[in-house]
C-alpha atoms as a PDB file:
ATOM      1  CA  MET A   1      -0.053  -0.106  -0.124  1.00  0.00           C
ATOM      2  CA  SER A   2       1.347   3.614  -0.768  1.00  0.00           C
ATOM      3  CA  LEU A   3       1.461   6.377   1.207  1.00  0.00           C
ATOM      4  CA  PHE A   4      -0.602   8.381  -1.078  1.00  0.00           C
ATOM      5  CA  ASN A   5      -3.444   5.194  -1.331  1.00  0.00           C
ATOM      6  CA  SER A   6      -3.379   5.481   2.455  1.00  0.00           C
ATOM      7  CA  LEU A   7      -4.227   9.298   2.563  1.00  0.00           C
ATOM      8  CA  ARG A   8      -7.251   8.770  -0.149  1.00  0.00           C
ATOM      9  CA  ILE A   9      -8.917   5.741   2.008  1.00  0.00           C
ATOM     10  CA  SER A  10      -8.396   7.969   5.027  1.00  0.00           C
ATOM     11  CA  ALA A  11      -9.871  11.102   3.302  1.00  0.00           C
ATOM     12  CA  SER A  12     -12.732   8.840   1.831  1.00  0.00           C
ATOM     13  CA  GLY A  13     -13.676   8.238   5.277  1.00  0.00           C
ATOM     14  CA  LEU A  14     -13.394  11.992   6.356  1.00  0.00           C
ATOM     15  CA  THR A  15     -15.904  12.461   3.805  1.00  0.00           C
ATOM     16  CA  ALA A  16     -18.212   9.682   4.239  1.00  0.00           C
ATOM     17  CA  GLU A  17     -18.401  10.578   8.588  1.00  0.00           C
ATOM     18  CA  ARG A  18     -18.822  14.498   7.501  1.00  0.00           C
ATOM     19  CA  LEU A  19     -21.886  13.715   5.462  1.00  0.00           C
ATOM     20  CA  ARG A  20     -22.801  11.219   8.052  1.00  0.00           C
ATOM     21  CA  LEU A  21     -22.941  13.948  10.756  1.00  0.00           C
ATOM     22  CA  ASP A  22     -24.600  16.082   7.958  1.00  0.00           C
ATOM     23  CA  VAL A  23     -27.742  13.690   7.967  1.00  0.00           C
ATOM     24  CA  ILE A  24     -27.524  13.384  11.688  1.00  0.00           C
ATOM     25  CA  ALA A  25     -27.957  16.862  12.021  1.00  0.00           C
ATOM     26  CA  ASP A  26     -30.757  17.142   9.753  1.00  0.00           C
ATOM     27  CA  ASN A  27     -32.283  14.278  11.888  1.00  0.00           C
ATOM     28  CA  LEU A  28     -31.943  16.504  15.278  1.00  0.00           C
ATOM     29  CA  ALA A  29     -33.284  19.641  13.184  1.00  0.00           C
ATOM     30  CA  ASN A  30     -36.541  18.161  11.805  1.00  0.00           C
ATOM     31  CA  VAL A  31     -37.406  16.205  15.834  1.00  0.00           C
ATOM     32  CA  ASN A  32     -40.531  18.073  16.001  1.00  0.00           C
ATOM     33  CA  THR A  33     -41.496  18.579  12.081  1.00  0.00           C
ATOM     34  CA  THR A  34     -45.084  16.992  12.074  1.00  0.00           C
ATOM     35  CA  ARG A  35     -45.750  18.165   8.205  1.00  0.00           C
ATOM     36  CA  THR A  36     -43.571  17.722   5.363  1.00  0.00           C
ATOM     37  CA  ALA A  37     -44.077  18.492   1.653  1.00  0.00           C
ATOM     38  CA  ALA A  38     -44.864  14.635   1.018  1.00  0.00           C
ATOM     39  CA  GLY A  39     -47.085  15.187   3.836  1.00  0.00           C
ATOM     40  CA  GLY A  40     -46.991  13.601   7.292  1.00  0.00           C
ATOM     41  CA  PRO A  41     -43.975  13.989   9.885  1.00  0.00           C
ATOM     42  CA  TYR A  42     -40.436  13.821   8.758  1.00  0.00           C
ATOM     43  CA  ARG A  43     -38.955  10.523   8.329  1.00  0.00           C
ATOM     44  CA  ARG A  44     -35.290  10.104  10.273  1.00  0.00           C
ATOM     45  CA  LYS A  45     -32.630   9.322   7.740  1.00  0.00           C
ATOM     46  CA  VAL A  46     -29.571   7.412   7.827  1.00  0.00           C
ATOM     47  CA  ALA A  47     -26.589   7.412   5.573  1.00  0.00           C
ATOM     48  CA  VAL A  48     -25.838   3.598   3.968  1.00  0.00           C
ATOM     49  CA  LEU A  49     -21.956   3.355   3.846  1.00  0.00           C
ATOM     50  CA  GLU A  50     -20.272   0.650   1.387  1.00  0.00           C
ATOM     51  CA  GLU A  51     -16.780   0.052   0.370  1.00  0.00           C
ATOM     52  CA  ARG A  52     -15.249   1.802  -2.218  1.00  0.00           C
ATOM     53  CA  PRO A  53     -15.007   0.100  -5.478  1.00  0.00           C
ATOM     54  CA  VAL A  54     -11.253  -0.546  -5.443  1.00  0.00           C
ATOM     55  CA  GLY A  55     -10.788   0.067  -9.477  1.00  0.00           C
ATOM     56  CA  PHE A  56     -11.495  -1.190 -12.951  1.00  0.00           C
ATOM     57  CA  ALA A  57     -10.161  -5.162 -12.110  1.00  0.00           C
ATOM     58  CA  ASP A  58     -13.400  -5.006  -9.229  1.00  0.00           C
ATOM     59  CA  LEU A  59     -15.418  -3.106 -11.920  1.00  0.00           C
ATOM     60  CA  LEU A  60     -15.223  -6.299 -14.244  1.00  0.00           C
ATOM     61  CA  GLY A  61     -15.051  -9.300 -11.441  1.00  0.00           C
ATOM     62  CA  ILE A  62     -11.429  -9.992 -12.336  1.00  0.00           C
ATOM     63  CA  GLN A  63     -10.462 -11.604  -8.321  1.00  0.00           C
ATOM     64  CA  ASN A  64      -7.062 -11.763  -8.218  1.00  0.00           C
ATOM     65  CA  ALA A  65      -5.768  -8.702 -10.873  1.00  0.00           C
ATOM     66  CA  PHE A  66      -3.359  -6.183  -9.765  1.00  0.00           C
ATOM     67  CA  ARG A  67      -5.044  -4.147  -7.505  1.00  0.00           C
ATOM     68  CA  THR A  68      -3.975  -0.339  -7.209  1.00  0.00           C
ATOM     69  CA  GLY A  69      -6.053   2.631  -5.369  1.00  0.00           C
ATOM     70  CA  ARG A  70      -7.542  -0.591  -2.886  1.00  0.00           C
ATOM     71  CA  GLY A  71     -10.377   0.600  -0.390  1.00  0.00           C
ATOM     72  CA  GLY A  72     -11.945   3.161   0.854  1.00  0.00           C
ATOM     73  CA  VAL A  73     -15.412   4.167   1.715  1.00  0.00           C
ATOM     74  CA  ARG A  74     -18.430   5.813   0.360  1.00  0.00           C
ATOM     75  CA  VAL A  75     -21.636   7.094   0.883  1.00  0.00           C
ATOM     76  CA  ALA A  76     -24.233   4.784  -0.933  1.00  0.00           C
ATOM     77  CA  ALA A  77     -27.266   6.494  -0.416  1.00  0.00           C
ATOM     78  CA  ILE A  78     -29.494   7.869   2.432  1.00  0.00           C
ATOM     79  CA  ALA A  79     -32.275   6.494   3.221  1.00  0.00           C
ATOM     80  CA  GLU A  80     -35.009   6.520   4.925  1.00  0.00           C
ATOM     81  CA  ASP A  81     -35.637   4.880   8.417  1.00  0.00           C
ATOM     82  CA  THR A  82     -38.745   2.783   7.905  1.00  0.00           C
ATOM     83  CA  SER A  83     -39.946   2.615  11.876  1.00  0.00           C
ATOM     84  CA  PRO A  84     -43.695   3.822  12.488  1.00  0.00           C
ATOM     85  CA  PRO A  85     -43.988   7.514  13.272  1.00  0.00           C
ATOM     86  CA  GLN A  86     -44.924   8.245  17.284  1.00  0.00           C
ATOM     87  CA  ARG A  87     -47.811   9.016  18.358  1.00  0.00           C
ATOM     88  CA  VAL A  88     -48.184  11.860  21.105  1.00  0.00           C
ATOM     89  CA  TYR A  89     -51.351  12.828  22.637  1.00  0.00           C
ATOM     90  CA  ASN A  90     -51.576  16.899  21.781  1.00  0.00           C
ATOM     91  CA  PRO A  91     -55.378  17.680  20.942  1.00  0.00           C
ATOM     92  CA  GLY A  92     -54.484  21.316  20.689  1.00  0.00           C
ATOM     93  CA  HIS A  93     -51.986  21.059  18.072  1.00  0.00           C
ATOM     94  CA  PRO A  94     -53.092  21.913  14.382  1.00  0.00           C
ATOM     95  CA  ASP A  95     -51.756  18.673  12.910  1.00  0.00           C
ATOM     96  CA  ALA A  96     -53.808  16.620  15.401  1.00  0.00           C
ATOM     97  CA  ASP A  97     -56.515  13.571  14.040  1.00  0.00           C
ATOM     98  CA  ALA A  98     -60.217  13.274  15.332  1.00  0.00           C
ATOM     99  CA  ASP A  99     -58.982  11.631  18.643  1.00  0.00           C
ATOM    100  CA  GLY A 100     -56.213  14.222  19.623  1.00  0.00           C
ATOM    101  CA  TYR A 101     -53.031  12.081  18.513  1.00  0.00           C
ATOM    102  CA  VAL A 102     -50.333  14.068  16.345  1.00  0.00           C
ATOM    103  CA  LEU A 103     -48.140  12.185  14.281  1.00  0.00           C
ATOM    104  CA  MET A 104     -44.497  12.718  15.755  1.00  0.00           C
ATOM    105  CA  PRO A 105     -41.225  12.366  13.580  1.00  0.00           C
ATOM    106  CA  ASN A 106     -39.316   8.756  14.475  1.00  0.00           C
ATOM    107  CA  VAL A 107     -36.444  10.412  15.429  1.00  0.00           C
ATOM    108  CA  ASN A 108     -35.065   9.463  18.961  1.00  0.00           C
ATOM    109  CA  VAL A 109     -32.559  12.323  20.030  1.00  0.00           C
ATOM    110  CA  VAL A 110     -30.169   9.887  22.233  1.00  0.00           C
ATOM    111  CA  THR A 111     -29.913   7.701  19.624  1.00  0.00           C
ATOM    112  CA  GLU A 112     -29.217  10.888  17.344  1.00  0.00           C
ATOM    113  CA  MET A 113     -26.582  11.648  20.055  1.00  0.00           C
ATOM    114  CA  VAL A 114     -24.762   8.290  20.479  1.00  0.00           C
ATOM    115  CA  ASP A 115     -24.519   8.284  16.206  1.00  0.00           C
ATOM    116  CA  MET A 116     -22.991  11.782  16.219  1.00  0.00           C
ATOM    117  CA  ILE A 117     -20.559  10.831  19.190  1.00  0.00           C
ATOM    118  CA  THR A 118     -19.647   7.751  16.978  1.00  0.00           C
ATOM    119  CA  ALA A 119     -19.474   9.670  13.675  1.00  0.00           C
ATOM    120  CA  THR A 120     -17.135  12.305  15.376  1.00  0.00           C
ATOM    121  CA  ARG A 121     -15.135   9.421  16.612  1.00  0.00           C
ATOM    122  CA  ALA A 122     -14.465   7.788  13.501  1.00  0.00           C
ATOM    123  CA  TYR A 123     -13.946  11.094  11.598  1.00  0.00           C
ATOM    124  CA  GLU A 124     -10.875  11.741  14.615  1.00  0.00           C
ATOM    125  CA  ALA A 125      -9.674   8.165  13.884  1.00  0.00           C
ATOM    126  CA  ASN A 126      -9.447   9.056  10.117  1.00  0.00           C
ATOM    127  CA  VAL A 127      -7.650  12.407  10.541  1.00  0.00           C
ATOM    128  CA  THR A 128      -5.339  10.748  12.916  1.00  0.00           C
ATOM    129  CA  ALA A 129      -4.607   7.788  10.352  1.00  0.00           C
ATOM    130  CA  MET A 130      -3.901  11.020   7.883  1.00  0.00           C
ATOM    131  CA  ASN A 131      -1.564  12.687  10.101  1.00  0.00           C
ATOM    132  CA  ALA A 132       0.396   9.043  10.837  1.00  0.00           C
ATOM    133  CA  ALA A 133       0.980   8.648   6.891  1.00  0.00           C
ATOM    134  CA  LYS A 134       1.932  12.153   6.995  1.00  0.00           C
ATOM    135  CA  GLN A 135       4.776  11.950   9.611  1.00  0.00           C
ATOM    136  CA  MET A 136       6.184   8.412   8.186  1.00  0.00           C
ATOM    137  CA  ALA A 137       6.789  10.087   4.835  1.00  0.00           C
ATOM    138  CA  LEU A 138       8.202  13.186   6.483  1.00  0.00           C
ATOM    139  CA  ARG A 139      10.480  10.845   8.467  1.00  0.00           C
ATOM    140  CA  THR A 140      11.273   9.260   5.357  1.00  0.00           C
ATOM    141  CA  LEU A 141      12.285  12.157   3.542  1.00  0.00           C
ATOM    142  CA  ASP A 142      14.228  12.994   6.692  1.00  0.00           C
ATOM    143  CA  ILE A 143      16.353   9.617   6.500  1.00  0.00           C
ATOM    144  CA  GLY A 144      17.147  10.226   2.764  1.00  0.00           C
ATOM    145  CA  ARG A 145      18.469  13.659   3.546  1.00  0.00           C
ATOM    146  CA  ASN A 146      20.890  12.153   6.634  1.00  0.00           C
ATOM    147  CA  ALA A 147      21.856   9.390   4.643  1.00  0.00           C
END
């Protein structure tokens, strides 16, 4: 694995985790949104991550080909959570049904905060990996100068 390859892999992780944080922030911002353009309450969104295709050989399905640019991650999709919305009794709300219940978003603040901490830690781990690769490159250059 080359130095640039490890930097590229970490950069793909940084990009994916940043987008994951954006999705979490969107969920938290809409925790009380009972009406959307599609109708009904806001639906929680989740970033679906997948391994990034390695290269042309992988796209063709060649198994043991020479691999350059191996690894990384990408966001495959941003999917909606299929769990049902919460029913909350609030007869004074404009979106209440005949029984006084309002359909609230299926967003759980505690779950979102745990996901946010996880995404933040993953982002920090990728920054640490990039810094380690950069330090190794600098030390390699120092060895070449001192030799």
